[in-house]
């Protein structure tokens, strides 16, 4: 009986834990002057790990709606210059929500003129970065996480309703997302988000992000260094050196990058099988990663005019060390809520990537 029950549990179709309770969450955003607040990000997060599920942006009249899948989710509402608000998904009608100015983000004097401007232009939603507080976002990746209609959590970039986008910087396709970390937000002029790219792009492309940088100023040699250290599951260290030489339309730039980091991935997997008895299997998995990354880049570009340029780029990336440690995975099997079986597994893996 023990063997039969276990076989049935593995072979039968799985259903997710918890009943699915789909509903439409809606509301309206206003600012401190009770005016509609358009182009604010409204994101649905799963609990307890706050994983991105889906998102939308508020319309010109400040209204929004999005579909939930389970009651164990949370709505995050954010807009540059305003305090972020979190709301439960129940009740479904969130009503009128008033956002207040984030004085820490804007400084002691709240200057509304410093807020970024977003508008719809053709097939794109365009956000002007130059001259706004978005110039202080940090890296290009930090900036994208603040753009309406975009989520960029730890390099995982999504466009609301369209998924992973193709990204272009000054018309050149980004093939390595580390380029966004090498791009300073104060050197970005504007960001365009396209949800329906059309025939101009490959049929498999569901969304496009076009980044326009400011026209390079000055000539000669320049360099900068970015260093970061912090503790998260271990001491993380990042060091990046960038250099540039510019003369007329000629532009030569390069980058050296090294990182040693630690991270952790925790998951709880629940499968429920309904037969003559109810079987539930809960698995608790935690994987720890210890890795070293090194990369280098050399880029040569010649700009003929504002709309035409020619260039070449060489990239080198290597992961000389990647160690994965899998903590003992505990699996509990219940039969009609009574513990039926318990097991433990562990493992590790060392890899090198070039």
Protein backbone atom coordinates (compact mmCIF):
# COMPACT_ATOMS: atom_id res chain seq x y z
CA UNK A 1 0.00 0.00 0.00
CA UNK A 2 2.88 2.29 0.79
CA UNK A 3 4.47 1.76 -2.65
CA UNK A 4 1.18 2.17 -4.54
CA UNK A 5 0.34 5.42 -2.77
CA UNK A 6 3.78 6.83 -3.51
CA UNK A 7 3.58 5.88 -7.21
CA UNK A 8 0.16 7.44 -7.61
CA UNK A 9 1.41 10.63 -5.99
CA UNK A 10 4.26 10.96 -8.52
CA UNK A 11 2.28 10.05 -11.63
CA UNK A 12 -0.94 11.99 -11.14
CA UNK A 13 -1.40 15.51 -12.42
CA UNK A 14 -0.49 18.30 -10.07
CA UNK A 15 -2.52 21.24 -8.89
CA UNK A 16 -1.17 24.32 -7.18
CA UNK A 17 -1.69 24.80 -3.47
CA UNK A 18 -4.53 27.09 -2.59
CA UNK A 19 -7.73 27.72 -4.47
CA UNK A 20 -7.43 30.01 -7.50
CA UNK A 21 -9.55 33.08 -6.95
CA UNK A 22 -9.13 35.26 -10.02
CA UNK A 23 -10.52 38.77 -9.79
CA UNK A 24 -9.99 42.24 -11.25
CA UNK A 25 -8.46 44.80 -8.90
CA UNK A 26 -9.20 48.40 -9.83
CA UNK A 27 -8.82 51.91 -8.46
CA UNK A 28 -7.87 55.50 -9.21
CA UNK A 29 -4.75 57.47 -8.25
CA UNK A 30 -4.73 61.17 -7.38
CA UNK A 31 -1.96 63.48 -6.19
CA UNK A 32 -1.92 65.83 -3.19
CA UNK A 33 -3.97 68.36 -5.15
CA UNK A 34 -6.59 65.70 -5.90
CA UNK A 35 -5.61 65.68 -9.57
CA UNK A 36 -5.45 62.38 -11.54
CA UNK A 37 -1.99 60.81 -11.47
CA UNK A 38 -1.20 59.15 -14.83
CA UNK A 39 1.68 56.80 -15.76
CA UNK A 40 2.18 55.42 -12.25
CA UNK A 41 3.32 51.79 -11.92
CA UNK A 42 0.81 49.38 -10.39
CA UNK A 43 2.46 46.01 -9.81
CA UNK A 44 1.06 42.72 -8.54
CA UNK A 45 3.44 40.84 -6.21
CA UNK A 46 3.18 37.28 -4.90
CA UNK A 47 3.66 36.62 -1.21
CA UNK A 48 5.76 35.92 0.79
CA UNK A 49 8.76 36.55 -1.53
CA UNK A 50 7.38 39.66 -3.35
CA UNK A 51 7.99 38.12 -6.79
CA UNK A 52 6.75 40.15 -9.77
CA UNK A 53 3.54 38.69 -11.24
CA UNK A 54 2.18 41.35 -13.58
CA UNK A 55 1.77 45.09 -13.80
CA UNK A 56 0.10 48.03 -15.49
CA UNK A 57 0.31 51.82 -15.60
CA UNK A 58 -2.42 54.27 -14.69
CA UNK A 59 -4.32 55.95 -17.52
CA UNK A 60 -4.52 59.71 -18.14
CA UNK A 61 -7.43 59.90 -15.68
CA UNK A 62 -5.46 57.97 -13.02
CA UNK A 63 -7.52 54.78 -13.26
CA UNK A 64 -6.08 51.26 -13.40
CA UNK A 65 -7.13 47.61 -13.35
CA UNK A 66 -5.26 44.30 -13.31
CA UNK A 67 -6.16 40.66 -12.83
CA UNK A 68 -5.07 38.67 -9.79
CA UNK A 69 -4.74 34.87 -9.71
CA UNK A 70 -4.73 34.05 -5.99
CA UNK A 71 -5.71 35.87 -2.80
CA UNK A 72 -2.12 35.57 -1.56
CA UNK A 73 -0.93 38.60 -3.54
CA UNK A 74 -0.21 42.28 -2.94
CA UNK A 75 -0.54 45.47 -5.01
CA UNK A 76 2.40 47.91 -5.06
CA UNK A 77 1.74 51.43 -6.36
CA UNK A 78 4.71 53.69 -7.14
CA UNK A 79 5.49 56.88 -9.01
CA UNK A 80 8.65 58.99 -9.07
CA UNK A 81 8.50 61.70 -6.41
CA UNK A 82 5.76 59.98 -4.39
CA UNK A 83 5.75 57.55 -1.48
CA UNK A 84 5.14 53.94 -2.51
CA UNK A 85 1.83 52.44 -1.35
CA UNK A 86 0.97 48.78 -0.78
CA UNK A 87 -2.61 47.49 -0.89
CA UNK A 88 -4.18 44.03 -0.39
CA UNK A 89 -6.01 42.50 -3.35
CA UNK A 90 -9.19 42.30 -1.34
CA UNK A 91 -11.50 44.13 -1.61
CA UNK A 92 -11.12 44.22 -5.39
CA UNK A 93 -12.25 47.85 -5.67
CA UNK A 94 -9.47 49.89 -4.04
CA UNK A 95 -11.33 53.15 -4.63
CA UNK A 96 -9.52 56.50 -4.82
CA UNK A 97 -5.90 56.37 -3.60
CA UNK A 98 -4.04 59.59 -2.87
CA UNK A 99 -0.24 59.53 -3.10
CA UNK A 100 1.88 61.89 -1.02
CA UNK A 101 5.18 63.51 -2.02
CA UNK A 102 8.37 61.72 -1.05
CA UNK A 103 10.32 64.66 0.38
CA UNK A 104 13.39 62.49 0.97
CA UNK A 105 13.51 61.60 -2.72
CA UNK A 106 12.87 65.15 -3.93
CA UNK A 107 14.93 66.93 -1.27
CA UNK A 108 13.79 69.37 1.38
CA UNK A 109 12.18 71.56 -1.26
CA UNK A 110 9.63 69.67 -3.33
CA UNK A 111 10.16 70.85 -6.90
CA UNK A 112 7.51 69.37 -9.17
CA UNK A 113 9.37 70.64 -12.23
CA UNK A 114 12.11 68.10 -11.44
CA UNK A 115 9.72 65.19 -11.90
CA UNK A 116 10.13 63.24 -15.16
CA UNK A 117 7.69 63.86 -17.99
CA UNK A 118 6.00 60.89 -19.66
CA UNK A 119 3.97 61.11 -22.85
CA UNK A 120 2.68 58.86 -25.61
CA UNK A 121 4.41 59.41 -28.95
CA UNK A 122 3.46 57.18 -31.85
CA UNK A 123 3.91 53.56 -30.79
CA UNK A 124 5.93 54.40 -27.68
CA UNK A 125 5.53 55.74 -24.16
CA UNK A 126 8.40 58.24 -23.81
CA UNK A 127 9.89 59.30 -20.47
CA UNK A 128 12.24 62.29 -20.44
CA UNK A 129 15.15 61.66 -18.08
CA UNK A 130 17.36 64.69 -18.76
CA UNK A 131 16.73 67.49 -16.28
CA UNK A 132 14.66 65.31 -13.93
CA UNK A 133 15.41 63.51 -10.67
CA UNK A 134 15.74 60.29 -12.69
CA UNK A 135 19.25 61.45 -13.54
CA UNK A 136 20.17 60.46 -9.97
CA UNK A 137 18.79 56.91 -10.27
CA UNK A 138 22.28 55.34 -10.56
CA UNK A 139 22.87 52.84 -13.34
CA UNK A 140 20.80 52.23 -16.45
CA UNK A 141 19.27 49.19 -14.76
CA UNK A 142 18.32 51.27 -11.69
CA UNK A 143 16.70 53.80 -14.01
CA UNK A 144 14.60 51.24 -15.90
CA UNK A 145 13.10 50.04 -12.62
CA UNK A 146 11.62 53.53 -12.20
CA UNK A 147 10.26 53.94 -15.74
CA UNK A 148 6.45 53.63 -16.16
CA UNK A 149 5.46 50.23 -17.50
CA UNK A 150 8.78 48.55 -16.68
CA UNK A 151 10.07 46.27 -13.90
CA UNK A 152 13.82 45.70 -13.61
CA UNK A 153 14.46 43.64 -10.52
CA UNK A 154 18.09 42.46 -10.26
CA UNK A 155 18.54 42.55 -14.03
CA UNK A 156 15.31 40.68 -14.82
CA UNK A 157 13.65 43.28 -17.06
CA UNK A 158 9.95 43.01 -17.92
CA UNK A 159 7.56 45.28 -19.79
CA UNK A 160 4.06 45.13 -18.32
CA UNK A 161 1.79 42.93 -20.39
CA UNK A 162 4.51 42.02 -22.89
CA UNK A 163 7.30 40.19 -21.02
CA UNK A 164 11.03 40.42 -21.72
CA UNK A 165 11.90 43.25 -24.15
CA UNK A 166 14.63 43.84 -26.68
CA UNK A 167 16.71 46.83 -25.55
CA UNK A 168 18.46 49.35 -27.78
CA UNK A 169 20.91 52.10 -26.84
CA UNK A 170 21.11 54.79 -29.53
CA UNK A 171 19.76 52.32 -32.08
CA UNK A 172 22.25 49.57 -31.20
CA UNK A 173 20.83 46.34 -29.79
CA UNK A 174 21.97 45.46 -26.26
CA UNK A 175 23.27 41.90 -26.28
CA UNK A 176 24.66 41.87 -22.75
CA UNK A 177 22.55 43.36 -19.97
CA UNK A 178 25.72 44.30 -18.08
CA UNK A 179 25.83 47.25 -20.51
CA UNK A 180 22.98 48.78 -18.51
CA UNK A 181 25.08 48.68 -15.34
CA UNK A 182 27.87 50.42 -17.25
CA UNK A 183 25.53 53.21 -18.38
CA UNK A 184 25.11 56.07 -15.90
CA UNK A 185 21.57 57.41 -15.54
CA UNK A 186 22.80 61.02 -15.77
CA UNK A 187 23.99 60.29 -19.30
CA UNK A 188 20.53 59.20 -20.50
CA UNK A 189 18.31 61.63 -22.37
CA UNK A 190 15.09 59.61 -22.68
CA UNK A 191 13.59 56.11 -22.55
CA UNK A 192 10.93 54.83 -24.94
CA UNK A 193 8.82 51.76 -24.08
CA UNK A 194 7.03 50.03 -26.96
CA UNK A 195 4.43 47.33 -26.20
CA UNK A 196 3.52 46.56 -29.82
CA UNK A 197 6.72 46.80 -31.90
CA UNK A 198 5.07 45.83 -35.20
CA UNK A 199 6.75 44.71 -38.42
CA UNK A 200 9.82 46.87 -37.81
CA UNK A 201 11.09 44.15 -35.46
CA UNK A 202 11.17 40.36 -35.52
CA UNK A 203 7.82 38.65 -35.01
CA UNK A 204 9.09 37.05 -31.79
CA UNK A 205 9.71 40.46 -30.20
CA UNK A 206 6.80 41.44 -27.95
CA UNK A 207 8.27 44.64 -26.48
CA UNK A 208 11.11 47.09 -27.11
CA UNK A 209 12.91 49.59 -24.90
CA UNK A 210 14.81 52.33 -26.74
CA UNK A 211 17.34 54.34 -24.71
CA UNK A 212 18.66 57.62 -26.07
CA UNK A 213 21.77 59.07 -24.44
CA UNK A 214 22.89 62.68 -24.28
CA UNK A 215 25.23 63.95 -26.94
CA UNK A 216 28.80 63.40 -25.68
CA UNK A 217 30.39 66.60 -24.37
CA UNK A 218 34.07 67.52 -24.49
CA UNK A 219 37.12 65.76 -25.91
CA UNK A 220 40.14 63.99 -24.51
CA UNK A 221 40.65 61.15 -22.03
CA UNK A 222 38.40 60.39 -19.09
CA UNK A 223 37.84 57.55 -16.64
CA UNK A 224 35.78 56.60 -13.61
CA UNK A 225 35.72 53.81 -11.07
CA UNK A 226 32.73 52.17 -9.38
CA UNK A 227 33.30 50.16 -6.22
CA UNK A 228 30.73 48.48 -4.04
CA UNK A 229 30.85 46.20 -1.01
CA UNK A 230 28.06 44.96 1.17
CA UNK A 231 26.94 41.97 3.16
CA UNK A 232 24.19 39.71 1.90
CA UNK A 233 24.56 35.98 2.65
CA UNK A 234 28.29 36.86 2.65
CA UNK A 235 30.53 39.79 1.71
CA UNK A 236 29.83 40.96 -1.85
CA UNK A 237 32.47 43.00 -3.68
CA UNK A 238 32.18 44.71 -7.07
CA UNK A 239 34.85 46.79 -8.81
CA UNK A 240 34.42 48.38 -12.22
CA UNK A 241 36.82 50.66 -14.14
CA UNK A 242 35.64 52.58 -17.22
CA UNK A 243 37.72 54.72 -19.56
CA UNK A 244 37.01 56.81 -22.64
CA UNK A 245 38.91 58.77 -25.28
CA UNK A 246 37.01 61.14 -27.56
CA UNK A 247 38.25 63.28 -30.46
CA UNK A 248 35.79 64.79 -32.93
CA UNK A 249 33.47 62.01 -34.04
CA UNK A 250 35.91 59.32 -32.87
CA UNK A 251 35.08 57.58 -29.60
CA UNK A 252 37.08 54.79 -27.92
CA UNK A 253 35.87 53.31 -24.64
CA UNK A 254 36.60 50.29 -22.48
CA UNK A 255 35.64 48.59 -19.25
CA UNK A 256 37.17 46.16 -16.75
CA UNK A 257 34.79 44.50 -14.28
CA UNK A 258 35.14 42.04 -11.43
CA UNK A 259 32.64 40.76 -8.89
CA UNK A 260 32.57 38.26 -6.05
CA UNK A 261 29.13 37.64 -4.66
CA UNK A 262 26.89 35.46 -2.61
CA UNK A 263 23.18 34.92 -3.03
CA UNK A 264 20.51 32.53 -1.89
CA UNK A 265 17.39 31.06 -3.49
CA UNK A 266 14.63 29.72 -1.23
CA UNK A 267 11.65 27.86 -2.63
CA UNK A 268 8.64 26.04 -1.25
CA UNK A 269 7.04 23.60 -3.70
CA UNK A 270 3.59 22.23 -2.93
CA UNK A 271 1.76 19.66 -5.02
CA UNK A 272 -1.74 18.43 -4.27
CA UNK A 273 -3.30 15.31 -5.77
CA UNK A 274 -6.97 14.44 -5.31
CA UNK A 275 -7.71 10.71 -5.50
CA UNK A 276 -9.76 8.58 -3.14
CA UNK A 277 -7.57 10.29 -0.58
CA UNK A 278 -6.01 13.75 -0.59
CA UNK A 279 -2.24 13.70 -1.02
CA UNK A 280 -0.13 16.80 -0.34
CA UNK A 281 3.63 16.95 -0.85
CA UNK A 282 5.56 19.93 0.54
CA UNK A 283 9.21 20.38 -0.44
CA UNK A 284 11.45 23.06 1.10
CA UNK A 285 14.52 23.90 -1.00
CA UNK A 286 17.35 26.38 -0.34
CA UNK A 287 20.31 26.82 -2.70
CA UNK A 288 23.29 29.04 -1.89
CA UNK A 289 25.50 30.47 -4.64
CA UNK A 290 29.12 31.62 -4.33
CA UNK A 291 30.47 33.00 -7.61
CA UNK A 292 33.18 35.10 -9.19
CA UNK A 293 32.63 37.03 -12.42
CA UNK A 294 35.11 38.93 -14.58
CA UNK A 295 34.46 40.80 -17.81
CA UNK A 296 36.03 43.32 -20.15
CA UNK A 297 34.81 45.45 -23.04
CA UNK A 298 36.44 47.50 -25.79
CA UNK A 299 34.30 49.68 -28.05
CA UNK A 300 35.23 51.78 -31.08
CA UNK A 301 32.71 54.18 -32.59
CA UNK A 302 32.65 56.98 -35.14
CA UNK A 303 29.68 59.34 -35.29
CA UNK A 304 29.17 60.98 -38.69
CA UNK A 305 26.20 63.05 -37.52
CA UNK A 306 23.35 62.91 -35.00
CA UNK A 307 21.58 60.08 -36.83
CA UNK A 308 24.44 58.03 -38.31
CA UNK A 309 27.35 56.22 -36.68
CA UNK A 310 29.56 53.20 -37.29
CA UNK A 311 31.32 51.10 -34.69
CA UNK A 312 32.54 47.77 -33.35
CA UNK A 313 32.56 46.21 -29.91
CA UNK A 314 34.41 43.32 -28.26
CA UNK A 315 33.20 41.69 -25.04
CA UNK A 316 34.85 39.15 -22.78
CA UNK A 317 32.92 37.43 -19.98
CA UNK A 318 33.98 34.59 -17.74
CA UNK A 319 32.80 32.98 -14.52
CA UNK A 320 35.96 31.30 -13.16
CA UNK A 321 34.13 30.00 -10.12
CA UNK A 322 30.52 29.14 -9.39
CA UNK A 323 29.76 27.01 -6.38
CA UNK A 324 26.25 25.87 -5.53
CA UNK A 325 25.38 24.39 -2.16
CA UNK A 326 22.00 22.76 -1.73
CA UNK A 327 20.85 22.67 1.86
CA UNK A 328 19.10 19.47 2.95
CA UNK A 329 15.76 19.52 1.13
CA UNK A 330 12.99 18.41 3.42
CA UNK A 331 10.00 16.77 1.77
CA UNK A 332 6.86 15.99 3.73
CA UNK A 333 4.04 13.87 2.29
CA UNK A 334 0.60 14.03 3.88
CA UNK A 335 -2.34 11.67 3.39
CA UNK A 336 -5.59 13.35 4.40
CA UNK A 337 -3.59 15.83 6.51
CA UNK A 338 -1.74 13.04 8.35
CA UNK A 339 2.05 12.78 7.88
CA UNK A 340 2.71 9.80 5.61
CA UNK A 341 6.37 10.10 4.62
CA UNK A 342 9.40 12.35 5.21
CA UNK A 343 12.67 12.50 3.23
CA UNK A 344 15.86 14.59 3.12
CA UNK A 345 18.30 15.20 0.24
CA UNK A 346 21.40 17.38 -0.20
CA UNK A 347 23.96 18.18 -2.91
CA UNK A 348 26.52 20.56 -4.36
CA UNK A 349 27.99 21.55 -7.73
CA UNK A 350 31.13 23.38 -8.90
CA UNK A 351 31.19 24.86 -12.40
CA UNK A 352 33.23 27.16 -14.60
CA UNK A 353 31.62 29.27 -17.33
CA UNK A 354 33.35 31.06 -20.19
